[in-house]
Amino acid sequence: MRAMILAAGRGERMRPLTDHTPKPLLPVAGKPLIVHHLEALRSAGFGEIVINTGHLGDRLPAALGDGRAWDIRIAYSPEPPDALETGGGIFQALPLLGPEPFLVVNGDVWTDYPFKRLPATISGLAHLVLVDNPPHHPEGDFSLTGAGRVEAAPARRLTFSGLSVLHPELFAGCEPGRFPLGPLLRRAMATRQVTGEHYAGLWRDIGTPQRLAELDRELRQRTTVGHS
């Protein structure tokens, strides 16, 4: 299974940090945020990774190269500076991702989720990892049924982590351009084509400089404790 890291966003809420640095390249515990993903994906057995680029997009290939530093192969999917949103970005990258289901992870989250646990084959069009609602998103996104189906129902909602396995057929009928992923997922949910799981481990959405600093402190403390 191939993997895609979404890294094209402008990161408006992270300004001024993102005025000169793409958000996935901001340092956390001594290394760029996106490198945490690359290392975790490599340790889980992923060897081919696609990264989309938009805002300051040339900085990512300059920093990461072709992936050989992590014994992986990186392919880039360049987008306009204002990016194509999540759906449009993934749709444009489909030729690089192949005909089978693929992993997608947001470049601006951090998690200790074990990527190898994700299913290589899925029952339907998408499999989503949901997490407990963080303080900045208390209303959540989707509901998870006891049968492992994800619904857009108003029942107890969890937050979509930005980590998923998607089937290319989810994008059937789409046209090139800028569009979000959410409506495609909700359309698939309406026909019971989306499965999911609740992950109770560590997950952080790095949406503001404050949350970036908090994650940096947290990871450095964990490293210190681990070596004490």
Protein backbone atom coordinates (compact mmCIF):
# COMPACT_ATOMS: atom_id res chain seq x y z
CA MET A 1 0.00 0.00 0.00
CA ARG A 2 1.23 3.48 -0.88
CA ALA A 3 0.86 6.50 1.37
CA MET A 4 0.17 10.18 0.80
CA ILE A 5 1.07 13.04 3.13
CA LEU A 6 -1.04 16.17 2.65
CA ALA A 7 1.39 19.06 2.80
CA ALA A 8 0.09 21.75 0.43
CA GLY A 9 -1.88 24.02 2.78
CA ARG A 10 -1.00 27.63 3.48
CA GLY A 11 -1.24 27.37 7.27
CA GLU A 12 -2.82 30.78 7.82
CA ARG A 13 -3.35 30.20 11.55
CA MET A 14 0.35 29.39 11.92
CA ARG A 15 1.54 32.75 10.64
CA PRO A 16 4.09 34.25 10.92
CA LEU A 17 5.84 30.86 11.23
CA THR A 18 4.52 29.78 7.82
CA ASP A 19 5.39 33.00 6.00
CA HIS A 20 8.72 31.48 5.01
CA THR A 21 8.37 27.80 5.93
CA PRO A 22 5.69 25.27 4.87
CA LYS A 23 3.84 24.06 7.95
CA PRO A 24 5.01 20.41 7.59
CA LEU A 25 8.63 21.60 7.77
CA LEU A 26 8.22 23.41 11.09
CA PRO A 27 10.47 21.75 13.68
CA VAL A 28 9.08 19.61 16.48
CA ALA A 29 11.44 17.98 18.98
CA GLY A 30 14.42 18.61 16.76
CA LYS A 31 13.08 17.52 13.39
CA PRO A 32 10.48 18.74 10.87
CA LEU A 33 6.93 17.65 11.60
CA ILE A 34 6.71 15.77 8.30
CA VAL A 35 9.84 13.77 9.14
CA HIS A 36 8.02 12.25 12.12
CA HIS A 37 5.51 10.90 9.57
CA LEU A 38 8.21 9.65 7.20
CA GLU A 39 9.96 7.75 9.99
CA ALA A 40 6.72 6.24 11.28
CA LEU A 41 5.61 5.22 7.79
CA ARG A 42 8.97 3.65 7.02
CA SER A 43 8.96 1.68 10.28
CA ALA A 44 5.48 0.43 9.37
CA GLY A 45 6.75 -0.91 6.05
CA PHE A 46 5.66 1.84 3.66
CA GLY A 47 8.21 2.36 0.92
CA GLU A 48 6.44 4.63 -1.58
CA ILE A 49 5.11 7.99 -0.38
CA VAL A 50 3.45 10.81 -2.28
CA ILE A 51 3.61 14.36 -0.94
CA ASN A 52 1.55 17.17 -2.42
CA THR A 53 3.06 20.65 -2.39
CA GLY A 54 1.52 24.10 -2.67
CA HIS A 55 2.53 27.04 -0.47
CA LEU A 56 6.33 27.41 -0.72
CA GLY A 57 6.18 24.03 -2.43
CA ASP A 58 9.79 24.01 -3.61
CA ARG A 59 10.97 23.90 0.01
CA LEU A 60 9.70 20.36 0.57
CA PRO A 61 11.65 18.62 -2.23
CA ALA A 62 14.68 20.71 -1.26
CA ALA A 63 14.46 19.49 2.34
CA LEU A 64 13.38 15.88 1.78
CA GLY A 65 14.79 14.98 -1.63
CA ASP A 66 13.75 11.67 -3.13
CA GLY A 67 13.42 9.96 0.25
CA ARG A 68 16.60 7.91 0.18
CA ALA A 69 17.63 9.34 3.57
CA TRP A 70 14.78 7.26 5.03
CA ASP A 71 15.10 4.34 2.60
CA ILE A 72 11.84 5.27 0.90
CA ARG A 73 10.79 6.71 -2.45
CA ILE A 74 9.07 10.09 -2.42
CA ALA A 75 7.03 11.39 -5.37
CA TYR A 76 5.74 14.96 -5.37
CA SER A 77 2.41 16.26 -6.65
CA PRO A 78 2.81 20.03 -7.18
CA GLU A 79 -0.23 22.28 -6.80
CA PRO A 80 -0.81 26.03 -7.24
CA PRO A 81 0.29 28.21 -4.30
CA ASP A 82 -3.31 28.38 -3.02
CA ALA A 83 -3.51 24.56 -3.21
CA LEU A 84 -6.43 22.37 -4.34
CA GLU A 85 -7.95 21.57 -0.93
CA THR A 86 -7.87 18.02 0.37
CA GLY A 87 -10.15 16.40 -2.20
CA GLY A 88 -8.66 18.15 -5.21
CA GLY A 89 -5.14 17.46 -4.04
CA ILE A 90 -5.71 13.74 -3.58
CA PHE A 91 -7.59 13.51 -6.89
CA GLN A 92 -4.68 15.11 -8.75
CA ALA A 93 -2.25 12.65 -7.11
CA LEU A 94 -4.25 9.51 -7.99
CA PRO A 95 -1.97 8.57 -10.94
CA LEU A 96 0.93 8.44 -8.45
CA LEU A 97 -1.04 6.39 -5.92
CA GLY A 98 -2.18 3.54 -8.16
CA PRO A 99 -5.42 1.56 -8.39
CA GLU A 100 -5.44 0.08 -4.87
CA PRO A 101 -6.48 1.64 -1.54
CA PHE A 102 -3.88 4.02 -0.12
CA LEU A 103 -3.11 5.65 3.21
CA VAL A 104 -3.61 9.40 3.63
CA VAL A 105 -2.35 11.42 6.57
CA ASN A 106 -2.49 15.16 7.16
CA GLY A 107 0.93 16.75 7.28
CA ASP A 108 -0.08 19.02 10.15
CA VAL A 109 -0.97 16.37 12.72
CA TRP A 110 1.20 14.27 15.02
CA THR A 111 0.19 10.86 16.31
CA ASP A 112 1.67 7.67 17.71
CA TYR A 113 -0.95 5.63 15.84
CA PRO A 114 0.76 2.45 14.53
CA PHE A 115 0.34 2.85 10.77
CA LYS A 116 0.84 -0.87 10.20
CA ARG A 117 -2.51 -1.42 11.93
CA LEU A 118 -4.44 0.18 9.08
CA PRO A 119 -6.19 -2.32 6.77
CA ALA A 120 -4.62 -2.82 3.35
CA THR A 121 -8.01 -3.83 2.01
CA ILE A 122 -11.21 -2.06 3.00
CA SER A 123 -14.89 -2.88 2.88
CA GLY A 124 -16.21 0.10 0.93
CA LEU A 125 -14.60 3.32 -0.19
CA ALA A 126 -12.93 4.65 2.96
CA HIS A 127 -11.69 3.69 6.41
CA LEU A 128 -11.28 6.57 8.88
CA VAL A 129 -9.38 6.82 12.14
CA LEU A 130 -11.42 8.85 14.63
CA VAL A 131 -10.14 10.34 17.88
CA ASP A 132 -11.63 11.97 20.96
CA ASN A 133 -12.70 15.56 20.36
CA PRO A 134 -9.94 18.04 21.23
CA PRO A 135 -10.79 21.23 23.12
CA HIS A 136 -10.67 23.33 19.94
CA HIS A 137 -13.15 21.02 18.14
CA PRO A 138 -15.65 19.86 20.79
CA GLU A 139 -18.51 19.14 18.36
CA GLY A 140 -16.59 16.42 16.49
CA ASP A 141 -17.14 15.32 12.90
CA PHE A 142 -18.66 11.84 12.53
CA SER A 143 -20.30 9.06 14.52
CA LEU A 144 -18.98 5.51 14.81
CA THR A 145 -21.50 2.69 15.08
CA GLY A 146 -21.00 -0.53 17.00
CA ALA A 147 -20.67 -2.30 13.66
CA GLY A 148 -17.65 -0.19 12.75
CA ARG A 149 -19.47 2.04 10.26
CA VAL A 150 -18.90 5.78 10.15
CA GLU A 151 -21.96 8.00 9.81
CA ALA A 152 -22.65 11.70 9.52
CA ALA A 153 -25.36 11.30 12.18
CA PRO A 154 -25.75 13.73 15.08
CA ALA A 155 -25.15 10.98 17.64
CA ARG A 156 -22.03 11.10 19.81
CA ARG A 157 -19.43 12.38 17.46
CA LEU A 158 -15.71 11.86 17.30
CA THR A 159 -13.11 13.90 15.41
CA PHE A 160 -11.65 12.75 12.10
CA SER A 161 -7.93 12.47 12.77
CA GLY A 162 -6.81 13.19 9.21
CA LEU A 163 -5.63 9.58 8.96
CA SER A 164 -7.46 7.24 6.60
CA VAL A 165 -7.33 4.56 3.95
CA LEU A 166 -9.12 5.64 0.79
CA HIS A 167 -10.10 3.74 -2.35
CA PRO A 168 -9.57 5.58 -5.65
CA GLU A 169 -13.21 4.87 -6.51
CA LEU A 170 -14.18 7.37 -3.80
CA PHE A 171 -13.27 10.02 -6.39
CA ALA A 172 -15.32 8.57 -9.24
CA GLY A 173 -16.93 11.37 -11.26
CA CYS A 174 -14.68 14.09 -9.87
CA GLU A 175 -13.16 16.74 -12.10
CA PRO A 176 -9.73 18.35 -11.71
CA GLY A 177 -9.73 21.45 -9.57
CA ARG A 178 -10.17 22.69 -6.04
CA PHE A 179 -12.64 20.79 -3.84
CA PRO A 180 -12.87 19.40 -0.28
CA LEU A 181 -12.83 15.76 0.77
CA GLY A 182 -15.71 16.00 3.27
CA PRO A 183 -18.61 15.88 0.80
CA LEU A 184 -17.17 12.78 -0.86
CA LEU A 185 -16.93 11.03 2.51
CA ARG A 186 -20.48 12.01 3.45
CA ARG A 187 -21.77 10.74 0.10
CA ALA A 188 -20.06 7.41 0.74
CA MET A 189 -21.41 7.31 4.32
CA ALA A 190 -24.93 7.65 2.96
CA THR A 191 -24.48 4.30 1.17
CA ARG A 192 -22.67 2.64 4.11
CA GLN A 193 -19.35 2.66 2.29
CA VAL A 194 -17.23 4.07 5.12
CA THR A 195 -15.77 2.07 7.99
CA GLY A 196 -13.79 3.39 10.90
CA GLU A 197 -12.11 2.91 14.23
CA HIS A 198 -11.65 4.91 17.41
CA TYR A 199 -8.06 5.53 18.42
CA ALA A 200 -7.53 6.53 22.04
CA GLY A 201 -3.78 7.07 21.81
CA LEU A 202 -1.84 10.27 21.27
CA TRP A 203 -2.97 12.61 18.52
CA ARG A 204 -2.33 16.30 18.13
CA ASP A 205 -3.64 18.76 15.54
CA ILE A 206 -0.90 21.34 15.00
CA GLY A 207 -3.07 24.26 13.94
CA THR A 208 -1.57 27.16 15.87
CA PRO A 209 1.89 28.24 17.09
CA GLN A 210 0.75 27.53 20.64
CA ARG A 211 -0.18 23.92 19.86
CA LEU A 212 3.12 23.50 17.99
CA ALA A 213 5.02 24.70 21.06
CA GLU A 214 2.97 22.43 23.34
CA LEU A 215 3.74 19.39 21.19
CA ASP A 216 7.43 20.28 21.11
CA ARG A 217 7.53 20.42 24.93
CA GLU A 218 5.55 17.20 25.24
CA LEU A 219 7.80 15.20 22.91
CA ARG A 220 10.99 16.56 24.46
CA GLN A 221 9.72 15.62 27.92
CA ARG A 222 8.89 12.10 26.71
CA THR A 223 12.38 11.78 25.27
CA THR A 224 13.95 12.98 28.51
CA VAL A 225 11.89 10.55 30.59
CA GLY A 226 12.68 7.73 28.19
CA HIS A 227 16.42 8.28 28.63
CA SER A 228 16.36 8.84 32.38
